[in-house]
Amino acid sequence: MAKLTLSVDEGVVTRAKRYAKQRGMSVSKMVEAYLAAMSEPSSSDTPPILNSLRGSLKKADLEGYRKHLAAKYR
């Protein structure tokens, strides 16, 4: 495993440590996962966060949403 030195704002480091601790992981693992996701070859230019959301609305009630919009913008 390679070692990497980063310069990061102290506030960001504090929040990252808190976030990692709440999830039972290290900041190193968190950064590694992020870098791995960002460096994976992709079939599109879609950011990884959007790729992770793909398919999340498959069971959405589209008719209900259409009715909501029709009532809202009447």
N, C-alpha and C. Protein backbone atom coordinates (compact mmCIF):
# COMPACT_ATOMS: atom_id res chain seq x y z
N MET A 1 0.85 -1.17 0.00
CA MET A 1 0.00 0.00 0.00
C MET A 1 0.90 1.24 0.00
N ALA A 2 0.54 2.21 -0.82
CA ALA A 2 1.29 3.46 -0.92
C ALA A 2 0.81 4.45 0.12
N LYS A 3 1.71 5.35 0.49
CA LYS A 3 1.38 6.40 1.45
C LYS A 3 1.23 7.71 0.67
N LEU A 4 0.25 8.52 1.07
CA LEU A 4 -0.04 9.77 0.39
C LEU A 4 -0.16 10.88 1.42
N THR A 5 0.50 12.00 1.19
CA THR A 5 0.42 13.14 2.09
C THR A 5 -0.45 14.21 1.43
N LEU A 6 -1.45 14.69 2.17
CA LEU A 6 -2.36 15.71 1.67
C LEU A 6 -2.34 16.92 2.57
N SER A 7 -2.60 18.09 2.01
CA SER A 7 -2.79 19.30 2.79
C SER A 7 -4.27 19.62 2.76
N VAL A 8 -4.91 19.60 3.95
CA VAL A 8 -6.35 19.79 4.03
C VAL A 8 -6.66 20.76 5.17
N ASP A 9 -7.64 21.60 4.97
CA ASP A 9 -8.08 22.55 5.99
C ASP A 9 -8.41 21.81 7.29
N GLU A 10 -8.02 22.37 8.42
CA GLU A 10 -8.22 21.72 9.72
C GLU A 10 -9.69 21.43 10.00
N GLY A 11 -10.56 22.35 9.63
CA GLY A 11 -11.99 22.13 9.85
C GLY A 11 -12.52 20.94 9.06
N VAL A 12 -12.03 20.80 7.84
CA VAL A 12 -12.43 19.68 7.01
C VAL A 12 -11.94 18.37 7.62
N VAL A 13 -10.72 18.37 8.12
CA VAL A 13 -10.17 17.17 8.75
C VAL A 13 -11.00 16.79 9.97
N THR A 14 -11.35 17.77 10.78
CA THR A 14 -12.16 17.50 11.98
C THR A 14 -13.50 16.89 11.61
N ARG A 15 -14.17 17.47 10.61
CA ARG A 15 -15.47 16.93 10.19
C ARG A 15 -15.33 15.55 9.55
N ALA A 16 -14.25 15.35 8.79
CA ALA A 16 -14.03 14.05 8.15
C ALA A 16 -13.79 12.97 9.20
N LYS A 17 -13.03 13.29 10.24
CA LYS A 17 -12.78 12.32 11.31
C LYS A 17 -14.08 11.96 12.04
N ARG A 18 -14.90 12.97 12.29
CA ARG A 18 -16.18 12.73 12.96
C ARG A 18 -17.07 11.85 12.09
N TYR A 19 -17.14 12.18 10.80
CA TYR A 19 -17.96 11.42 9.85
C TYR A 19 -17.48 9.96 9.77
N ALA A 20 -16.18 9.78 9.66
CA ALA A 20 -15.62 8.42 9.56
C ALA A 20 -15.87 7.63 10.84
N LYS A 21 -15.71 8.26 11.98
CA LYS A 21 -15.93 7.57 13.25
C LYS A 21 -17.38 7.11 13.39
N GLN A 22 -18.32 7.95 12.99
CA GLN A 22 -19.73 7.61 13.06
C GLN A 22 -20.06 6.41 12.18
N ARG A 23 -19.28 6.20 11.15
CA ARG A 23 -19.53 5.10 10.23
C ARG A 23 -18.59 3.92 10.45
N GLY A 24 -17.78 4.01 11.49
CA GLY A 24 -16.89 2.90 11.84
C GLY A 24 -15.80 2.64 10.82
N MET A 25 -15.27 3.70 10.25
CA MET A 25 -14.20 3.54 9.27
C MET A 25 -13.13 4.59 9.50
N SER A 26 -12.00 4.42 8.86
CA SER A 26 -10.93 5.41 9.00
C SER A 26 -11.06 6.45 7.89
N VAL A 27 -10.45 7.60 8.12
CA VAL A 27 -10.43 8.65 7.10
C VAL A 27 -9.66 8.13 5.88
N SER A 28 -8.62 7.36 6.11
CA SER A 28 -7.85 6.79 5.00
C SER A 28 -8.72 5.92 4.11
N LYS A 29 -9.54 5.06 4.70
CA LYS A 29 -10.44 4.19 3.92
C LYS A 29 -11.47 5.03 3.17
N MET A 30 -11.94 6.09 3.83
CA MET A 30 -12.92 6.97 3.20
C MET A 30 -12.32 7.65 1.97
N VAL A 31 -11.11 8.17 2.10
CA VAL A 31 -10.43 8.83 0.99
C VAL A 31 -10.12 7.81 -0.11
N GLU A 32 -9.69 6.62 0.29
CA GLU A 32 -9.40 5.58 -0.70
C GLU A 32 -10.65 5.22 -1.51
N ALA A 33 -11.78 5.08 -0.84
CA ALA A 33 -13.02 4.75 -1.53
C ALA A 33 -13.41 5.87 -2.50
N TYR A 34 -13.24 7.12 -2.06
CA TYR A 34 -13.56 8.24 -2.93
C TYR A 34 -12.66 8.27 -4.16
N LEU A 35 -11.36 8.11 -3.94
CA LEU A 35 -10.42 8.14 -5.05
C LEU A 35 -10.66 6.97 -6.01
N ALA A 36 -11.00 5.82 -5.47
CA ALA A 36 -11.29 4.66 -6.32
C ALA A 36 -12.52 4.94 -7.18
N ALA A 37 -13.56 5.52 -6.57
CA ALA A 37 -14.78 5.83 -7.31
C ALA A 37 -14.52 6.87 -8.40
N MET A 38 -13.71 7.86 -8.08
CA MET A 38 -13.43 8.93 -9.04
C MET A 38 -12.53 8.47 -10.18
N SER A 39 -11.70 7.47 -9.94
CA SER A 39 -10.75 7.05 -10.95
C SER A 39 -11.21 5.85 -11.77
N GLU A 40 -12.40 5.31 -11.45
CA GLU A 40 -12.92 4.18 -12.23
C GLU A 40 -13.30 4.66 -13.62
N PRO A 41 -12.94 3.85 -14.62
CA PRO A 41 -13.37 4.23 -15.96
C PRO A 41 -14.89 4.19 -16.03
N SER A 42 -15.45 5.17 -16.67
CA SER A 42 -16.90 5.29 -16.75
C SER A 42 -17.33 5.33 -18.21
N SER A 43 -18.51 4.81 -18.47
CA SER A 43 -19.01 4.84 -19.83
C SER A 43 -19.60 6.22 -20.17
N SER A 44 -19.70 7.09 -19.18
CA SER A 44 -20.23 8.43 -19.42
C SER A 44 -19.47 9.42 -18.55
N ASP A 45 -19.79 10.68 -18.72
CA ASP A 45 -19.17 11.73 -17.91
C ASP A 45 -20.01 12.05 -16.68
N THR A 46 -20.92 11.16 -16.31
CA THR A 46 -21.79 11.37 -15.17
C THR A 46 -20.99 11.23 -13.87
N PRO A 47 -21.12 12.18 -12.95
CA PRO A 47 -20.42 12.08 -11.67
C PRO A 47 -20.84 10.82 -10.91
N PRO A 48 -19.94 10.23 -10.13
CA PRO A 48 -20.26 9.01 -9.39
C PRO A 48 -21.49 9.13 -8.51
N ILE A 49 -21.72 10.29 -7.91
CA ILE A 49 -22.88 10.44 -7.04
C ILE A 49 -24.17 10.25 -7.82
N LEU A 50 -24.21 10.72 -9.07
CA LEU A 50 -25.41 10.53 -9.88
C LEU A 50 -25.54 9.08 -10.33
N ASN A 51 -24.41 8.44 -10.63
CA ASN A 51 -24.46 7.02 -10.98
C ASN A 51 -25.01 6.20 -9.83
N SER A 52 -24.69 6.58 -8.60
CA SER A 52 -25.16 5.82 -7.44
C SER A 52 -26.67 5.97 -7.26
N LEU A 53 -27.26 7.03 -7.80
CA LEU A 53 -28.69 7.26 -7.67
C LEU A 53 -29.50 6.60 -8.79
N ARG A 54 -28.81 6.18 -9.83
CA ARG A 54 -29.49 5.59 -10.99
C ARG A 54 -30.35 4.41 -10.57
N GLY A 55 -31.60 4.42 -10.97
CA GLY A 55 -32.51 3.33 -10.67
C GLY A 55 -33.25 3.48 -9.35
N SER A 56 -32.97 4.52 -8.60
CA SER A 56 -33.58 4.66 -7.28
C SER A 56 -35.07 5.04 -7.36
N LEU A 57 -35.52 5.47 -8.51
CA LEU A 57 -36.93 5.87 -8.65
C LEU A 57 -37.75 4.88 -9.47
N LYS A 58 -37.25 3.66 -9.62
CA LYS A 58 -37.95 2.67 -10.44
C LYS A 58 -39.36 2.40 -9.93
N LYS A 59 -39.57 2.46 -8.63
CA LYS A 59 -40.87 2.16 -8.06
C LYS A 59 -41.65 3.42 -7.69
N ALA A 60 -41.23 4.55 -8.25
CA ALA A 60 -41.89 5.82 -7.94
C ALA A 60 -43.31 5.85 -8.49
N ASP A 61 -44.18 6.55 -7.80
CA ASP A 61 -45.57 6.72 -8.23
C ASP A 61 -45.64 7.94 -9.15
N LEU A 62 -45.40 7.71 -10.43
CA LEU A 62 -45.35 8.82 -11.39
C LEU A 62 -46.71 9.48 -11.56
N GLU A 63 -47.77 8.70 -11.56
CA GLU A 63 -49.11 9.28 -11.72
C GLU A 63 -49.43 10.20 -10.54
N GLY A 64 -49.09 9.77 -9.34
CA GLY A 64 -49.29 10.61 -8.15
C GLY A 64 -48.50 11.90 -8.23
N TYR A 65 -47.29 11.80 -8.74
CA TYR A 65 -46.45 12.99 -8.88
C TYR A 65 -47.03 13.93 -9.93
N ARG A 66 -47.53 13.38 -11.03
CA ARG A 66 -48.15 14.21 -12.06
C ARG A 66 -49.36 14.95 -11.49
N LYS A 67 -50.17 14.26 -10.71
CA LYS A 67 -51.34 14.88 -10.09
C LYS A 67 -50.92 16.00 -9.13
N HIS A 68 -49.86 15.74 -8.38
CA HIS A 68 -49.33 16.76 -7.45
C HIS A 68 -48.90 18.01 -8.22
N LEU A 69 -48.16 17.81 -9.32
CA LEU A 69 -47.71 18.96 -10.11
C LEU A 69 -48.87 19.71 -10.74
N ALA A 70 -49.86 18.95 -11.24
CA ALA A 70 -51.02 19.59 -11.86
C ALA A 70 -51.77 20.46 -10.83
N ALA A 71 -51.92 19.95 -9.62
CA ALA A 71 -52.61 20.72 -8.58
C ALA A 71 -51.76 21.92 -8.14
N LYS A 72 -50.48 21.72 -8.04
CA LYS A 72 -49.58 22.78 -7.59
C LYS A 72 -49.54 23.97 -8.57
N TYR A 73 -49.53 23.67 -9.85
CA TYR A 73 -49.37 24.72 -10.86
C TYR A 73 -50.68 25.07 -11.57
N ARG A 74 -51.81 24.78 -10.93
CA ARG A 74 -53.11 25.08 -11.50
C ARG A 74 -53.39 26.55 -11.42
